[in-house]
């Protein structure tokens, strides 16, 4: 490990793809991960967009969490 490496909080990015295969269970799991990552209900949801579209098209939802906040049960 480099001497200049500093561990930061919320360094795990979890993205939920929004497509026609999305299930309620996947959505619930994503929300559970966000809650475990200490996301406040008033925090804005981070959106991912398709970079290949001329008009903004939302392709996913993103949350940043600290891996230590995620239990083995999640």
N, C-alpha and C. Protein backbone atom coordinates (compact mmCIF):
# COMPACT_ATOMS: atom_id res chain seq x y z
N UNK A 1 0.85 -1.18 0.00
CA UNK A 1 0.00 0.00 0.00
C UNK A 1 0.89 1.23 0.00
N UNK A 2 0.56 2.20 -0.83
CA UNK A 2 1.36 3.42 -0.91
C UNK A 2 1.24 4.24 0.36
N UNK A 3 2.33 4.95 0.67
CA UNK A 3 2.34 5.78 1.88
C UNK A 3 1.33 6.92 1.82
N UNK A 4 1.00 7.38 0.61
CA UNK A 4 0.08 8.50 0.48
C UNK A 4 -1.38 8.06 0.39
N UNK A 5 -1.64 6.75 0.53
CA UNK A 5 -3.02 6.25 0.49
C UNK A 5 -3.76 6.63 1.76
N UNK A 6 -4.93 7.21 1.59
CA UNK A 6 -5.78 7.57 2.72
C UNK A 6 -7.16 6.99 2.46
N UNK A 7 -7.63 6.16 3.40
CA UNK A 7 -8.96 5.58 3.26
C UNK A 7 -9.99 6.67 3.50
N UNK A 8 -10.96 6.74 2.63
CA UNK A 8 -12.02 7.73 2.77
C UNK A 8 -13.33 7.03 3.07
N UNK A 9 -14.24 7.76 3.66
CA UNK A 9 -15.58 7.23 3.93
C UNK A 9 -16.33 7.05 2.62
N UNK A 10 -17.32 6.18 2.65
CA UNK A 10 -18.22 5.98 1.52
C UNK A 10 -17.47 5.75 0.22
N UNK A 11 -16.60 4.79 0.22
CA UNK A 11 -15.78 4.57 -0.97
C UNK A 11 -16.26 3.43 -1.86
N UNK A 12 -17.45 2.93 -1.60
CA UNK A 12 -18.01 1.87 -2.43
C UNK A 12 -19.20 2.45 -3.19
N UNK A 13 -19.15 2.36 -4.50
CA UNK A 13 -20.23 2.88 -5.34
C UNK A 13 -21.12 1.72 -5.76
N UNK A 14 -22.41 1.84 -5.46
CA UNK A 14 -23.39 0.83 -5.85
C UNK A 14 -24.35 1.49 -6.84
N UNK A 15 -24.50 0.87 -8.00
CA UNK A 15 -25.38 1.41 -9.03
C UNK A 15 -26.48 0.41 -9.33
N UNK A 16 -27.70 0.90 -9.40
CA UNK A 16 -28.85 0.09 -9.77
C UNK A 16 -29.25 0.49 -11.18
N UNK A 17 -29.13 -0.45 -12.11
CA UNK A 17 -29.51 -0.17 -13.49
C UNK A 17 -31.03 -0.09 -13.61
N UNK A 18 -31.50 0.92 -14.31
CA UNK A 18 -32.93 1.07 -14.56
C UNK A 18 -33.23 0.54 -15.96
N UNK A 19 -33.81 -0.63 -15.99
CA UNK A 19 -34.19 -1.23 -17.26
C UNK A 19 -35.46 -2.04 -17.06
N UNK A 20 -35.94 -2.68 -18.09
CA UNK A 20 -37.21 -3.40 -17.98
C UNK A 20 -37.07 -4.74 -17.25
N UNK A 21 -35.88 -5.05 -16.76
CA UNK A 21 -35.67 -6.26 -15.97
C UNK A 21 -35.63 -5.97 -14.46
N UNK A 22 -35.71 -4.70 -14.07
CA UNK A 22 -35.64 -4.32 -12.66
C UNK A 22 -36.81 -4.91 -11.88
N UNK A 23 -36.51 -5.52 -10.75
CA UNK A 23 -37.56 -6.08 -9.90
C UNK A 23 -37.70 -5.24 -8.63
N UNK A 24 -38.83 -5.40 -7.96
CA UNK A 24 -39.04 -4.71 -6.68
C UNK A 24 -38.01 -5.18 -5.66
N UNK A 25 -37.67 -6.45 -5.70
CA UNK A 25 -36.67 -6.98 -4.77
C UNK A 25 -35.33 -6.29 -4.94
N UNK A 26 -34.91 -6.05 -6.18
CA UNK A 26 -33.65 -5.35 -6.44
C UNK A 26 -33.73 -3.91 -5.95
N UNK A 27 -34.87 -3.28 -6.15
CA UNK A 27 -35.05 -1.92 -5.68
C UNK A 27 -35.02 -1.86 -4.15
N UNK A 28 -35.70 -2.80 -3.50
CA UNK A 28 -35.68 -2.87 -2.03
C UNK A 28 -34.26 -3.08 -1.52
N UNK A 29 -33.51 -3.95 -2.17
CA UNK A 29 -32.12 -4.24 -1.77
C UNK A 29 -31.27 -2.99 -1.91
N UNK A 30 -31.44 -2.26 -2.99
CA UNK A 30 -30.70 -1.02 -3.20
C UNK A 30 -31.00 -0.02 -2.09
N UNK A 31 -32.27 0.13 -1.75
CA UNK A 31 -32.66 1.06 -0.69
C UNK A 31 -32.09 0.60 0.66
N UNK A 32 -32.10 -0.70 0.92
CA UNK A 32 -31.51 -1.23 2.15
C UNK A 32 -30.01 -0.91 2.23
N UNK A 33 -29.31 -1.03 1.10
CA UNK A 33 -27.89 -0.69 1.08
C UNK A 33 -27.68 0.80 1.35
N UNK A 34 -28.54 1.64 0.77
CA UNK A 34 -28.45 3.08 1.00
C UNK A 34 -28.68 3.40 2.47
N UNK A 35 -29.67 2.76 3.07
CA UNK A 35 -29.94 2.98 4.50
C UNK A 35 -28.77 2.53 5.35
N UNK A 36 -28.17 1.40 5.01
CA UNK A 36 -27.01 0.90 5.75
C UNK A 36 -25.82 1.84 5.58
N UNK A 37 -25.78 2.54 4.46
CA UNK A 37 -24.70 3.47 4.19
C UNK A 37 -24.92 4.85 4.76
N UNK A 38 -25.86 4.98 5.66
CA UNK A 38 -26.16 6.22 6.36
C UNK A 38 -26.61 7.32 5.41
N UNK A 39 -27.47 6.96 4.47
CA UNK A 39 -28.08 7.95 3.58
C UNK A 39 -29.33 8.48 4.27
N UNK A 40 -29.44 9.78 4.30
CA UNK A 40 -30.60 10.41 4.92
C UNK A 40 -31.76 10.44 3.93
N UNK A 41 -32.99 10.31 4.41
CA UNK A 41 -34.14 10.39 3.50
C UNK A 41 -34.22 11.70 2.73
N UNK A 42 -33.60 12.74 3.24
CA UNK A 42 -33.63 14.04 2.55
C UNK A 42 -32.49 14.22 1.55
N UNK A 43 -31.54 13.28 1.51
CA UNK A 43 -30.44 13.36 0.54
C UNK A 43 -30.98 13.15 -0.88
N UNK A 44 -30.45 13.89 -1.85
CA UNK A 44 -30.88 13.66 -3.23
C UNK A 44 -30.35 12.32 -3.74
N UNK A 45 -31.09 11.71 -4.64
CA UNK A 45 -30.67 10.45 -5.24
C UNK A 45 -29.72 10.78 -6.39
N UNK A 46 -28.55 10.14 -6.41
CA UNK A 46 -27.60 10.35 -7.50
C UNK A 46 -28.07 9.56 -8.71
N UNK A 47 -28.11 10.22 -9.84
CA UNK A 47 -28.58 9.61 -11.08
C UNK A 47 -27.42 9.39 -12.04
N UNK A 48 -27.51 8.33 -12.82
CA UNK A 48 -26.55 8.08 -13.88
C UNK A 48 -27.27 8.24 -15.21
N UNK A 49 -26.57 8.85 -16.16
CA UNK A 49 -27.15 9.12 -17.47
C UNK A 49 -26.38 8.37 -18.56
N UNK A 50 -27.06 8.07 -19.65
CA UNK A 50 -26.41 7.45 -20.79
C UNK A 50 -25.57 8.51 -21.51
N UNK A 51 -24.26 8.31 -21.56
CA UNK A 51 -23.41 9.32 -22.19
C UNK A 51 -23.54 9.35 -23.71
N UNK A 52 -24.18 8.36 -24.30
CA UNK A 52 -24.29 8.27 -25.74
C UNK A 52 -25.56 8.90 -26.30
N UNK A 53 -26.42 9.38 -25.43
CA UNK A 53 -27.69 9.98 -25.87
C UNK A 53 -27.55 11.50 -25.97
N UNK A 54 -28.20 12.09 -26.98
CA UNK A 54 -28.16 13.55 -27.12
C UNK A 54 -29.04 14.23 -26.08
N UNK A 55 -30.14 13.57 -25.71
CA UNK A 55 -31.01 14.07 -24.64
C UNK A 55 -30.69 13.25 -23.39
N UNK A 56 -30.73 13.87 -22.20
CA UNK A 56 -30.42 13.12 -20.98
C UNK A 56 -31.39 11.94 -20.77
N UNK A 57 -30.84 10.75 -20.66
CA UNK A 57 -31.62 9.55 -20.40
C UNK A 57 -31.06 8.90 -19.14
N UNK A 58 -31.90 8.80 -18.11
CA UNK A 58 -31.46 8.20 -16.85
C UNK A 58 -31.34 6.69 -17.03
N UNK A 59 -30.17 6.16 -16.69
CA UNK A 59 -29.94 4.72 -16.83
C UNK A 59 -29.75 4.01 -15.50
N UNK A 60 -29.56 4.78 -14.42
CA UNK A 60 -29.33 4.12 -13.14
C UNK A 60 -29.39 5.07 -11.96
N UNK A 61 -29.44 4.47 -10.79
CA UNK A 61 -29.38 5.19 -9.51
C UNK A 61 -28.09 4.77 -8.83
N UNK A 62 -27.46 5.70 -8.13
CA UNK A 62 -26.18 5.42 -7.49
C UNK A 62 -26.21 5.84 -6.04
N UNK A 63 -25.53 5.06 -5.21
CA UNK A 63 -25.32 5.43 -3.81
C UNK A 63 -23.88 5.07 -3.46
N UNK A 64 -23.26 5.90 -2.66
CA UNK A 64 -21.91 5.64 -2.16
C UNK A 64 -22.02 5.22 -0.71
N UNK A 65 -21.42 4.08 -0.38
CA UNK A 65 -21.50 3.55 0.98
C UNK A 65 -20.11 3.16 1.46
N UNK A 66 -19.97 3.08 2.76
CA UNK A 66 -18.76 2.56 3.37
C UNK A 66 -18.97 1.06 3.52
N UNK A 67 -18.10 0.22 2.97
CA UNK A 67 -18.28 -1.21 3.05
C UNK A 67 -18.46 -1.72 4.48
N UNK A 68 -17.89 -1.03 5.45
CA UNK A 68 -18.01 -1.45 6.85
C UNK A 68 -19.45 -1.32 7.35
N UNK A 69 -20.26 -0.50 6.68
CA UNK A 69 -21.65 -0.30 7.08
C UNK A 69 -22.58 -1.39 6.56
N UNK A 70 -22.06 -2.25 5.69
CA UNK A 70 -22.89 -3.28 5.07
C UNK A 70 -22.69 -4.59 5.81
N UNK A 71 -23.75 -5.08 6.42
CA UNK A 71 -23.66 -6.35 7.13
C UNK A 71 -23.69 -7.51 6.14
N UNK A 72 -23.30 -8.66 6.58
CA UNK A 72 -23.34 -9.85 5.75
C UNK A 72 -24.75 -10.23 5.38
N UNK A 73 -25.75 -9.76 6.13
CA UNK A 73 -27.15 -10.10 5.86
C UNK A 73 -27.73 -9.28 4.73
N UNK A 74 -27.10 -8.14 4.37
CA UNK A 74 -27.63 -7.27 3.31
C UNK A 74 -27.30 -7.79 1.95
